[in-house]
Protein backbone atom coordinates (compact mmCIF):
# COMPACT_ATOMS: atom_id res chain seq x y z
CA MET A 1 -74.75 -15.44 59.02
CA PRO A 2 -76.74 -18.67 59.17
CA CYS A 3 -75.65 -21.20 61.76
CA SER A 4 -76.30 -24.06 59.33
CA LEU A 5 -73.63 -22.65 57.01
CA LEU A 6 -71.11 -22.63 59.85
CA ILE A 7 -72.03 -26.17 60.89
CA ALA A 8 -71.77 -27.42 57.29
CA SER A 9 -68.35 -25.82 56.85
CA LEU A 10 -67.34 -27.27 60.23
CA ARG A 11 -68.14 -30.78 58.97
CA LEU A 12 -66.42 -30.30 55.60
CA SER A 13 -63.20 -28.92 56.97
CA HIS A 14 -63.00 -30.93 60.18
CA SER A 15 -59.47 -32.11 59.43
CA LEU A 16 -58.31 -28.65 58.30
CA MET A 17 -59.71 -26.81 61.29
CA GLN A 18 -57.50 -25.89 64.17
CA PRO A 19 -58.67 -26.71 67.72
CA ASP A 20 -59.02 -23.05 68.68
CA THR A 21 -61.29 -22.42 65.68
CA ARG A 22 -63.53 -25.28 66.77
CA LYS A 23 -63.64 -23.87 70.29
CA LEU A 24 -64.58 -20.41 68.98
CA LEU A 25 -67.40 -21.88 66.89
CA ARG A 26 -68.74 -23.92 69.77
CA THR A 27 -68.55 -21.02 72.21
CA GLY A 28 -70.15 -18.58 69.77
CA LEU A 29 -73.02 -20.95 69.04
CA LEU A 30 -73.57 -21.54 72.76
CA ILE A 31 -73.61 -17.84 73.64
CA PHE A 32 -75.78 -16.88 70.67
CA GLY A 33 -78.17 -19.77 71.31
CA THR A 34 -78.54 -18.70 74.95
CA GLY A 35 -79.50 -15.21 73.78
CA VAL A 36 -82.05 -16.57 71.31
CA ILE A 37 -83.64 -18.77 73.96
CA ALA A 38 -83.73 -15.87 76.44
CA ALA A 39 -85.37 -13.60 73.83
CA ALA A 40 -87.93 -16.26 72.97
CA LEU A 41 -88.77 -16.81 76.65
CA ILE A 42 -89.51 -13.11 77.13
CA PHE A 43 -92.36 -13.31 74.63
CA THR A 44 -93.64 -16.82 75.37
CA SER A 45 -93.29 -17.46 79.11
CA PHE A 46 -92.43 -14.22 80.88
CA GLY A 47 -95.35 -11.98 79.99
CA GLY A 48 -94.17 -10.26 76.83
CA ILE A 49 -92.90 -6.73 76.26
CA THR A 50 -94.82 -3.51 75.74
CA ARG A 51 -93.44 -0.50 73.94
CA HIS A 52 -93.64 1.94 76.84
CA GLN A 53 -93.24 -0.25 79.91
CA GLY A 54 -90.86 -3.03 78.83
CA PRO A 55 -91.21 -6.57 80.20
CA HIS A 56 -94.01 -7.20 82.67
CA THR A 57 -92.21 -9.52 85.12
CA ASN A 58 -88.89 -9.68 86.91
CA LEU A 59 -87.93 -12.78 84.93
CA GLY A 60 -88.77 -10.88 81.77
CA TRP A 61 -86.32 -8.14 82.73
CA LEU A 62 -83.61 -10.67 83.54
CA SER A 63 -84.18 -12.44 80.22
CA LEU A 64 -84.03 -9.11 78.42
CA MET A 65 -80.67 -8.31 80.01
CA LEU A 66 -79.40 -11.79 79.18
CA ALA A 67 -80.52 -11.51 75.58
CA MET A 68 -79.04 -8.02 75.19
CA GLY A 69 -75.71 -9.32 76.41
CA CYS A 70 -75.61 -12.70 74.69
CA LEU A 71 -76.90 -11.84 71.21
CA PRO A 72 -74.23 -9.27 70.25
CA THR A 73 -71.44 -11.16 72.02
CA GLY A 74 -72.41 -14.44 70.40
CA PHE A 75 -72.74 -12.84 66.98
CA LEU A 76 -69.29 -11.26 67.22
CA THR A 77 -67.77 -14.55 68.44
CA LEU A 78 -69.37 -16.38 65.50
CA LEU A 79 -68.11 -13.71 63.13
CA LEU A 80 -64.59 -14.07 64.51
CA ALA A 81 -64.83 -17.87 64.18
CA ALA A 82 -66.04 -17.59 60.57
CA VAL A 83 -63.17 -15.28 59.62
CA LYS A 84 -60.70 -17.61 61.38
CA LEU A 85 -62.24 -20.61 59.60
CA ILE A 86 -61.79 -18.90 56.23
CA GLY A 87 -58.18 -18.09 57.17
CA ASP A 88 -57.55 -21.72 58.21
CA ARG A 89 -58.91 -23.02 54.90
CA ARG A 90 -56.58 -20.76 52.88
CA ARG A 91 -53.48 -22.11 54.60
C-alpha cells in the first residue's frame, strides 16, 4: 500500500478522521520508515549482505534486526490504520 495514498487520504479526510486514526497513521509511517532506512543502511553504509554469511559488520547485523522488526510491524500498523480510516469515512 503506497504511503502517498495514505497521506493523500489523510489530507482529504482531515476533518472526518478521528484522533486515534491519525495517531495510528503517524506511528505506522514512523515505524515503517525506520525499517526502510535501516534496510537501506545495510546495503549502503554497513558493508552489504552476502547470501551465505549475512551482513559483514556488527552495525549491519543490528540494522538487519531493526529492519526485520520494523518492516512487518510498520506494515501491519499502516494496514490497521488504513482499515480504520476506511471505517471512519463510512460513518
